[in-house]
Amino acid sequence: KSKIRCSVIGLAAEMFVCKHLCEETGGTYS
């Protein structure tokens, strides 16, 4: 809602919640 684009670089394994955060805010997840 605040139009904050969140991108995540995971340093361990893929996490659903991090991927979801990126998808919802228009960021990228790797």
Full PDB file with SEQRES, HELIX, SHEET, SSBOND, CRYST1, ORIGX, SCALE, CONECT and MASTER records, all heavy atoms in Angstrom:
SEQRES   1 A   30  LYS SER LYS ILE ARG CYS SER VAL ILE GLY LEU ALA ALA          
SEQRES   2 A   30  GLU MET PHE VAL CYS LYS HIS LEU CYS GLU GLU THR GLY          
SEQRES   3 A   30  GLY THR TYR SER                                              
HELIX    1 AA1 PHE A   16  THR A   25  1                                  10    
CRYST1    1.000    1.000    1.000  90.00  90.00  90.00 P 1           1          
ORIGX1      1.000000  0.000000  0.000000        0.00000                         
ORIGX2      0.000000  1.000000  0.000000        0.00000                         
ORIGX3      0.000000  0.000000  1.000000        0.00000                         
SCALE1      1.000000  0.000000  0.000000        0.00000                         
SCALE2      0.000000  1.000000  0.000000        0.00000                         
SCALE3      0.000000  0.000000  1.000000        0.00000                         
ATOM      1  N   LYS A   1       0.823  -1.200   0.000  1.00  0.00           N  
ATOM      2  CA  LYS A   1       0.000   0.000   0.000  1.00  0.00           C  
ATOM      3  C   LYS A   1       0.867   1.265   0.000  1.00  0.00           C  
ATOM      4  O   LYS A   1       0.515   2.262  -0.625  1.00  0.00           O  
ATOM      5  CB  LYS A   1      -0.921   0.006   1.225  1.00  0.00           C  
ATOM      6  CG  LYS A   1      -1.875   1.166   1.275  1.00  0.00           C  
ATOM      7  CD  LYS A   1      -2.785   1.085   2.474  1.00  0.00           C  
ATOM      8  CE  LYS A   1      -3.703   2.288   2.523  1.00  0.00           C  
ATOM      9  NZ  LYS A   1      -4.483   2.327   3.744  1.00  0.00           N  
ATOM     10  N   SER A   2       2.010   1.212   0.673  1.00  0.00           N  
ATOM     11  CA  SER A   2       2.926   2.359   0.734  1.00  0.00           C  
ATOM     12  C   SER A   2       3.831   2.448  -0.492  1.00  0.00           C  
ATOM     13  O   SER A   2       4.701   3.306  -0.561  1.00  0.00           O  
ATOM     14  CB  SER A   2       3.790   2.279   1.997  1.00  0.00           C  
ATOM     15  OG  SER A   2       2.995   2.407   3.146  1.00  0.00           O  
ATOM     16  N   LYS A   3       3.643   1.519  -1.438  1.00  0.00           N  
ATOM     17  CA  LYS A   3       4.435   1.469  -2.673  1.00  0.00           C  
ATOM     18  C   LYS A   3       5.927   1.340  -2.378  1.00  0.00           C  
ATOM     19  O   LYS A   3       6.758   2.014  -2.984  1.00  0.00           O  
ATOM     20  CB  LYS A   3       4.141   2.685  -3.550  1.00  0.00           C  
ATOM     21  CG  LYS A   3       2.707   2.693  -4.025  1.00  0.00           C  
ATOM     22  CD  LYS A   3       2.434   3.810  -4.976  1.00  0.00           C  
ATOM     23  CE  LYS A   3       1.072   3.581  -5.550  1.00  0.00           C  
ATOM     24  NZ  LYS A   3       0.150   4.578  -5.544  1.00  0.00           N  
ATOM     25  N   ILE A   4       6.243   0.446  -1.447  1.00  0.00           N  
ATOM     26  CA  ILE A   4       7.632   0.128  -1.125  1.00  0.00           C  
ATOM     27  C   ILE A   4       7.976  -1.174  -1.830  1.00  0.00           C  
ATOM     28  O   ILE A   4       7.366  -2.209  -1.566  1.00  0.00           O  
ATOM     29  CB  ILE A   4       7.844  -0.001   0.391  1.00  0.00           C  
ATOM     30  CG1 ILE A   4       7.560   1.332   1.075  1.00  0.00           C  
ATOM     31  CG2 ILE A   4       9.262  -0.476   0.688  1.00  0.00           C  
ATOM     32  CD1 ILE A   4       7.595   1.280   2.592  1.00  0.00           C  
ATOM     33  N   ARG A   5       8.913  -1.104  -2.741  1.00  0.00           N  
ATOM     34  CA  ARG A   5       9.357  -2.283  -3.489  1.00  0.00           C  
ATOM     35  C   ARG A   5      10.379  -3.030  -2.637  1.00  0.00           C  
ATOM     36  O   ARG A   5      11.417  -2.485  -2.287  1.00  0.00           O  
ATOM     37  CB  ARG A   5       9.966  -1.859  -4.816  1.00  0.00           C  
ATOM     38  CG  ARG A   5      10.423  -3.012  -5.651  1.00  0.00           C  
ATOM     39  CD  ARG A   5      11.016  -2.523  -6.954  1.00  0.00           C  
ATOM     40  NE  ARG A   5      11.510  -3.673  -7.675  1.00  0.00           N  
ATOM     41  CZ  ARG A   5      12.518  -3.628  -8.519  1.00  0.00           C  
ATOM     42  NH1 ARG A   5      13.136  -2.501  -8.739  1.00  0.00           N  
ATOM     43  NH2 ARG A   5      12.906  -4.709  -9.130  1.00  0.00           N  
ATOM     44  N   CYS A   6      10.078  -4.271  -2.325  1.00  0.00           N  
ATOM     45  CA  CYS A   6      10.959  -5.093  -1.490  1.00  0.00           C  
ATOM     46  C   CYS A   6      11.573  -6.207  -2.327  1.00  0.00           C  
ATOM     47  O   CYS A   6      10.858  -6.979  -2.955  1.00  0.00           O  
ATOM     48  CB  CYS A   6      10.188  -5.711  -0.333  1.00  0.00           C  
ATOM     49  SG  CYS A   6       9.439  -4.507   0.780  1.00  0.00           S  
ATOM     50  N   SER A   7      12.895  -6.270  -2.319  1.00  0.00           N  
ATOM     51  CA  SER A   7      13.629  -7.346  -2.980  1.00  0.00           C  
ATOM     52  C   SER A   7      14.422  -8.092  -1.917  1.00  0.00           C  
ATOM     53  O   SER A   7      14.869  -7.501  -0.936  1.00  0.00           O  
ATOM     54  CB  SER A   7      14.578  -6.792  -4.039  1.00  0.00           C  
ATOM     55  OG  SER A   7      13.855  -6.179  -5.082  1.00  0.00           O  
ATOM     56  N   VAL A   8      14.577  -9.394  -2.123  1.00  0.00           N  
ATOM     57  CA  VAL A   8      15.282 -10.228  -1.143  1.00  0.00           C  
ATOM     58  C   VAL A   8      16.337 -11.062  -1.867  1.00  0.00           C  
ATOM     59  O   VAL A   8      16.067 -11.645  -2.915  1.00  0.00           O  
ATOM     60  CB  VAL A   8      14.313 -11.169  -0.390  1.00  0.00           C  
ATOM     61  CG1 VAL A   8      15.066 -12.070   0.582  1.00  0.00           C  
ATOM     62  CG2 VAL A   8      13.239 -10.368   0.345  1.00  0.00           C  
ATOM     63  N   ILE A   9      17.521 -11.115  -1.265  1.00  0.00           N  
ATOM     64  CA  ILE A   9      18.533 -12.074  -1.675  1.00  0.00           C  
ATOM     65  C   ILE A   9      18.704 -13.019  -0.496  1.00  0.00           C  
ATOM     66  O   ILE A   9      19.131 -12.610   0.589  1.00  0.00           O  
ATOM     67  CB  ILE A   9      19.880 -11.395  -2.019  1.00  0.00           C  
ATOM     68  CG1 ILE A   9      19.709 -10.456  -3.205  1.00  0.00           C  
ATOM     69  CG2 ILE A   9      20.938 -12.456  -2.317  1.00  0.00           C  
ATOM     70  CD1 ILE A   9      20.956  -9.660  -3.550  1.00  0.00           C  
ATOM     71  N   GLY A  10      18.293 -14.261  -0.690  1.00  0.00           N  
ATOM     72  CA  GLY A  10      18.423 -15.271   0.348  1.00  0.00           C  
ATOM     73  C   GLY A  10      19.846 -15.793   0.390  1.00  0.00           C  
ATOM     74  O   GLY A  10      20.465 -16.017  -0.647  1.00  0.00           O  
ATOM     75  N   LEU A  11      20.357 -15.968   1.580  1.00  0.00           N  
ATOM     76  CA  LEU A  11      21.713 -16.492   1.748  1.00  0.00           C  
ATOM     77  C   LEU A  11      21.690 -17.938   2.212  1.00  0.00           C  
ATOM     78  O   LEU A  11      22.729 -18.515   2.478  1.00  0.00           O  
ATOM     79  CB  LEU A  11      22.493 -15.631   2.738  1.00  0.00           C  
ATOM     80  CG  LEU A  11      22.611 -14.154   2.370  1.00  0.00           C  
ATOM     81  CD1 LEU A  11      23.328 -13.385   3.460  1.00  0.00           C  
ATOM     82  CD2 LEU A  11      23.302 -13.979   1.030  1.00  0.00           C  
ATOM     83  N   ALA A  12      20.498 -18.505   2.324  1.00  0.00           N  
ATOM     84  CA  ALA A  12      20.346 -19.907   2.728  1.00  0.00           C  
ATOM     85  C   ALA A  12      19.446 -20.577   1.688  1.00  0.00           C  
ATOM     86  O   ALA A  12      19.769 -20.570   0.518  1.00  0.00           O  
ATOM     87  CB  ALA A  12      19.771 -19.990   4.137  1.00  0.00           C  
ATOM     88  N   ALA A  13      18.325 -21.086   2.101  1.00  0.00           N  
ATOM     89  CA  ALA A  13      17.387 -21.743   1.187  1.00  0.00           C  
ATOM     90  C   ALA A  13      16.251 -20.784   0.822  1.00  0.00           C  
ATOM     91  O   ALA A  13      16.062 -19.758   1.463  1.00  0.00           O  
ATOM     92  CB  ALA A  13      16.814 -22.988   1.856  1.00  0.00           C  
ATOM     93  N   GLU A  14      15.506 -21.147  -0.213  1.00  0.00           N  
ATOM     94  CA  GLU A  14      14.347 -20.345  -0.603  1.00  0.00           C  
ATOM     95  C   GLU A  14      13.279 -20.426   0.472  1.00  0.00           C  
ATOM     96  O   GLU A  14      13.011 -21.492   1.017  1.00  0.00           O  
ATOM     97  CB  GLU A  14      13.790 -20.844  -1.937  1.00  0.00           C  
ATOM     98  CG  GLU A  14      12.627 -20.019  -2.430  1.00  0.00           C  
ATOM     99  CD  GLU A  14      12.159 -20.424  -3.820  1.00  0.00           C  
ATOM    100  OE1 GLU A  14      12.990 -20.490  -4.724  1.00  0.00           O  
ATOM    101  OE2 GLU A  14      10.951 -20.686  -3.951  1.00  0.00           O  
ATOM    102  N   MET A  15      12.663 -19.269   0.772  1.00  0.00           N  
ATOM    103  CA  MET A  15      11.583 -19.214   1.759  1.00  0.00           C  
ATOM    104  C   MET A  15      10.336 -18.643   1.100  1.00  0.00           C  
ATOM    105  O   MET A  15      10.400 -17.617   0.420  1.00  0.00           O  
ATOM    106  CB  MET A  15      11.976 -18.325   2.939  1.00  0.00           C  
ATOM    107  CG  MET A  15      13.001 -18.930   3.855  1.00  0.00           C  
ATOM    108  SD  MET A  15      13.429 -17.835   5.228  1.00  0.00           S  
ATOM    109  CE  MET A  15      11.843 -17.365   5.895  1.00  0.00           C  
ATOM    110  N   PHE A  16       9.204 -19.306   1.330  1.00  0.00           N  
ATOM    111  CA  PHE A  16       7.943 -18.877   0.737  1.00  0.00           C  
ATOM    112  C   PHE A  16       7.624 -17.432   1.089  1.00  0.00           C  
ATOM    113  O   PHE A  16       7.246 -16.637   0.229  1.00  0.00           O  
ATOM    114  CB  PHE A  16       6.784 -19.775   1.197  1.00  0.00           C  
ATOM    115  CG  PHE A  16       5.444 -19.202   0.830  1.00  0.00           C  
ATOM    116  CD1 PHE A  16       4.955 -19.346  -0.460  1.00  0.00           C  
ATOM    117  CD2 PHE A  16       4.694 -18.492   1.755  1.00  0.00           C  
ATOM    118  CE1 PHE A  16       3.730 -18.788  -0.822  1.00  0.00           C  
ATOM    119  CE2 PHE A  16       3.468 -17.937   1.402  1.00  0.00           C  
ATOM    120  CZ  PHE A  16       2.983 -18.090   0.117  1.00  0.00           C  
ATOM    121  N   VAL A  17       7.775 -17.053   2.360  1.00  0.00           N  
ATOM    122  CA  VAL A  17       7.367 -15.724   2.804  1.00  0.00           C  
ATOM    123  C   VAL A  17       8.206 -14.637   2.128  1.00  0.00           C  
ATOM    124  O   VAL A  17       7.695 -13.569   1.790  1.00  0.00           O  
ATOM    125  CB  VAL A  17       7.378 -15.605   4.344  1.00  0.00           C  
ATOM    126  CG1 VAL A  17       8.801 -15.589   4.892  1.00  0.00           C  
ATOM    127  CG2 VAL A  17       6.608 -14.382   4.792  1.00  0.00           C  
ATOM    128  N   CYS A  18       9.475 -14.898   1.885  1.00  0.00           N  
ATOM    129  CA  CYS A  18      10.330 -13.919   1.196  1.00  0.00           C  
ATOM    130  C   CYS A  18       9.907 -13.782  -0.266  1.00  0.00           C  
ATOM    131  O   CYS A  18       9.827 -12.673  -0.799  1.00  0.00           O  
ATOM    132  CB  CYS A  18      11.794 -14.332   1.292  1.00  0.00           C  
ATOM    133  SG  CYS A  18      12.473 -14.226   2.960  1.00  0.00           S  
ATOM    134  N   LYS A  19       9.620 -14.896  -0.889  1.00  0.00           N  
ATOM    135  CA  LYS A  19       9.158 -14.881  -2.279  1.00  0.00           C  
ATOM    136  C   LYS A  19       7.821 -14.151  -2.382  1.00  0.00           C  
ATOM    137  O   LYS A  19       7.602 -13.344  -3.284  1.00  0.00           O  
ATOM    138  CB  LYS A  19       9.041 -16.312  -2.802  1.00  0.00           C  
ATOM    139  CG  LYS A  19       8.782 -16.406  -4.277  1.00  0.00           C  
ATOM    140  CD  LYS A  19       8.855 -17.849  -4.742  1.00  0.00           C  
ATOM    141  CE  LYS A  19       8.693 -17.930  -6.239  1.00  0.00           C  
ATOM    142  NZ  LYS A  19       8.851 -19.292  -6.736  1.00  0.00           N  
ATOM    143  N   HIS A  20       6.927 -14.412  -1.442  1.00  0.00           N  
ATOM    144  CA  HIS A  20       5.622 -13.763  -1.408  1.00  0.00           C  
ATOM    145  C   HIS A  20       5.774 -12.247  -1.239  1.00  0.00           C  
ATOM    146  O   HIS A  20       5.095 -11.466  -1.921  1.00  0.00           O  
ATOM    147  CB  HIS A  20       4.773 -14.356  -0.282  1.00  0.00           C  
ATOM    148  CG  HIS A  20       3.430 -13.745  -0.145  1.00  0.00           C  
ATOM    149  ND1 HIS A  20       2.416 -13.952  -1.055  1.00  0.00           N  
ATOM    150  CD2 HIS A  20       2.923 -12.898   0.794  1.00  0.00           C  
ATOM    151  CE1 HIS A  20       1.340 -13.270  -0.684  1.00  0.00           C  
ATOM    152  NE2 HIS A  20       1.634 -12.618   0.428  1.00  0.00           N  
ATOM    153  N   LEU A  21       6.661 -11.826  -0.343  1.00  0.00           N  
ATOM    154  CA  LEU A  21       6.924 -10.402  -0.118  1.00  0.00           C  
ATOM    155  C   LEU A  21       7.336  -9.731  -1.424  1.00  0.00           C  
ATOM    156  O   LEU A  21       6.819  -8.670  -1.784  1.00  0.00           O  
ATOM    157  CB  LEU A  21       8.023 -10.230   0.942  1.00  0.00           C  
ATOM    158  CG  LEU A  21       8.614  -8.830   1.098  1.00  0.00           C  
ATOM    159  CD1 LEU A  21       7.574  -7.844   1.620  1.00  0.00           C  
ATOM    160  CD2 LEU A  21       9.828  -8.873   2.038  1.00  0.00           C  
ATOM    161  N   CYS A  22       8.242 -10.348  -2.142  1.00  0.00           N  
ATOM    162  CA  CYS A  22       8.737  -9.777  -3.400  1.00  0.00           C  
ATOM    163  C   CYS A  22       7.649  -9.722  -4.460  1.00  0.00           C  
ATOM    164  O   CYS A  22       7.514  -8.728  -5.173  1.00  0.00           O  
ATOM    165  CB  CYS A  22       9.941 -10.575  -3.898  1.00  0.00           C  
ATOM    166  SG  CYS A  22      11.353 -10.490  -2.776  1.00  0.00           S  
ATOM    167  N   GLU A  23       6.867 -10.782  -4.564  1.00  0.00           N  
ATOM    168  CA  GLU A  23       5.782 -10.815  -5.549  1.00  0.00           C  
ATOM    169  C   GLU A  23       4.746  -9.732  -5.265  1.00  0.00           C  
ATOM    170  O   GLU A  23       4.272  -9.067  -6.178  1.00  0.00           O  
ATOM    171  CB  GLU A  23       5.115 -12.191  -5.558  1.00  0.00           C  
ATOM    172  CG  GLU A  23       5.979 -13.272  -6.172  1.00  0.00           C  
ATOM    173  CD  GLU A  23       5.408 -14.675  -5.989  1.00  0.00           C  
ATOM    174  OE1 GLU A  23       4.409 -14.844  -5.232  1.00  0.00           O  
ATOM    175  OE2 GLU A  23       5.969 -15.607  -6.594  1.00  0.00           O  
ATOM    176  N   GLU A  24       4.386  -9.557  -4.000  1.00  0.00           N  
ATOM    177  CA  GLU A  24       3.357  -8.581  -3.629  1.00  0.00           C  
ATOM    178  C   GLU A  24       3.809  -7.142  -3.849  1.00  0.00           C  
ATOM    179  O   GLU A  24       3.000  -6.278  -4.160  1.00  0.00           O  
ATOM    180  CB  GLU A  24       2.942  -8.769  -2.158  1.00  0.00           C  
ATOM    181  CG  GLU A  24       2.095  -9.988  -1.916  1.00  0.00           C  
ATOM    182  CD  GLU A  24       0.723  -9.881  -2.566  1.00  0.00           C  
ATOM    183  OE1 GLU A  24       0.018  -8.883  -2.334  1.00  0.00           O  
ATOM    184  OE2 GLU A  24       0.352 -10.797  -3.321  1.00  0.00           O  
ATOM    185  N   THR A  25       5.101  -6.875  -3.651  1.00  0.00           N  
ATOM    186  CA  THR A  25       5.589  -5.497  -3.708  1.00  0.00           C  
ATOM    187  C   THR A  25       6.305  -5.163  -5.022  1.00  0.00           C  
ATOM    188  O   THR A  25       6.782  -4.045  -5.188  1.00  0.00           O  
ATOM    189  CB  THR A  25       6.531  -5.209  -2.527  1.00  0.00           C  
ATOM    190  OG1 THR A  25       7.677  -6.066  -2.614  1.00  0.00           O  
ATOM    191  CG2 THR A  25       5.815  -5.390  -1.199  1.00  0.00           C  
ATOM    192  N   GLY A  26       6.400  -6.133  -5.939  1.00  0.00           N  
ATOM    193  CA  GLY A  26       7.031  -5.875  -7.223  1.00  0.00           C  
ATOM    194  C   GLY A  26       8.548  -5.983  -7.210  1.00  0.00           C  
ATOM    195  O   GLY A  26       9.215  -5.532  -8.136  1.00  0.00           O  
ATOM    196  N   GLY A  27       9.090  -6.596  -6.175  1.00  0.00           N  
ATOM    197  CA  GLY A  27      10.535  -6.775  -6.080  1.00  0.00           C  
ATOM    198  C   GLY A  27      10.988  -8.068  -6.730  1.00  0.00           C  
ATOM    199  O   GLY A  27      10.208  -8.769  -7.365  1.00  0.00           O  
ATOM    200  N   THR A  28      12.260  -8.370  -6.561  1.00  0.00           N  
ATOM    201  CA  THR A  28      12.821  -9.605  -7.102  1.00  0.00           C  
ATOM    202  C   THR A  28      13.313 -10.471  -5.951  1.00  0.00           C  
ATOM    203  O   THR A  28      13.696  -9.968  -4.892  1.00  0.00           O  
ATOM    204  CB  THR A  28      13.998  -9.326  -8.061  1.00  0.00           C  
ATOM    205  OG1 THR A  28      15.022  -8.610  -7.355  1.00  0.00           O  
ATOM    206  CG2 THR A  28      13.552  -8.518  -9.254  1.00  0.00           C  
ATOM    207  N   TYR A  29      13.310 -11.777  -6.176  1.00  0.00           N  
ATOM    208  CA  TYR A  29      13.763 -12.712  -5.163  1.00  0.00           C  
ATOM    209  C   TYR A  29      14.765 -13.665  -5.781  1.00  0.00           C  
ATOM    210  O   TYR A  29      14.519 -14.233  -6.850  1.00  0.00           O  
ATOM    211  CB  TYR A  29      12.582 -13.502  -4.588  1.00  0.00           C  
ATOM    212  CG  TYR A  29      12.986 -14.469  -3.505  1.00  0.00           C  
ATOM    213  CD1 TYR A  29      13.513 -14.012  -2.311  1.00  0.00           C  
ATOM    214  CD2 TYR A  29      12.856 -15.837  -3.677  1.00  0.00           C  
ATOM    215  CE1 TYR A  29      13.893 -14.894  -1.313  1.00  0.00           C  
ATOM    216  CE2 TYR A  29      13.228 -16.725  -2.686  1.00  0.00           C  
ATOM    217  CZ  TYR A  29      13.744 -16.238  -1.502  1.00  0.00           C  
ATOM    218  OH  TYR A  29      14.119 -17.117  -0.520  1.00  0.00           O  
ATOM    219  N   SER A  30      15.905 -13.820  -5.123  1.00  0.00           N  
ATOM    220  CA  SER A  30      16.950 -14.731  -5.583  1.00  0.00           C  
ATOM    221  C   SER A  30      17.609 -15.363  -4.374  1.00  0.00           C  
ATOM    222  O   SER A  30      17.571 -14.819  -3.276  1.00  0.00           O  
ATOM    223  CB  SER A  30      18.025 -13.967  -6.371  1.00  0.00           C  
ATOM    224  OG  SER A  30      17.464 -13.253  -7.431  1.00  0.00           O  
TER     225      SER A  30                                                      
MASTER        0    0    0    1    0    0    0    6  224    1    0    3          
END                                                                             
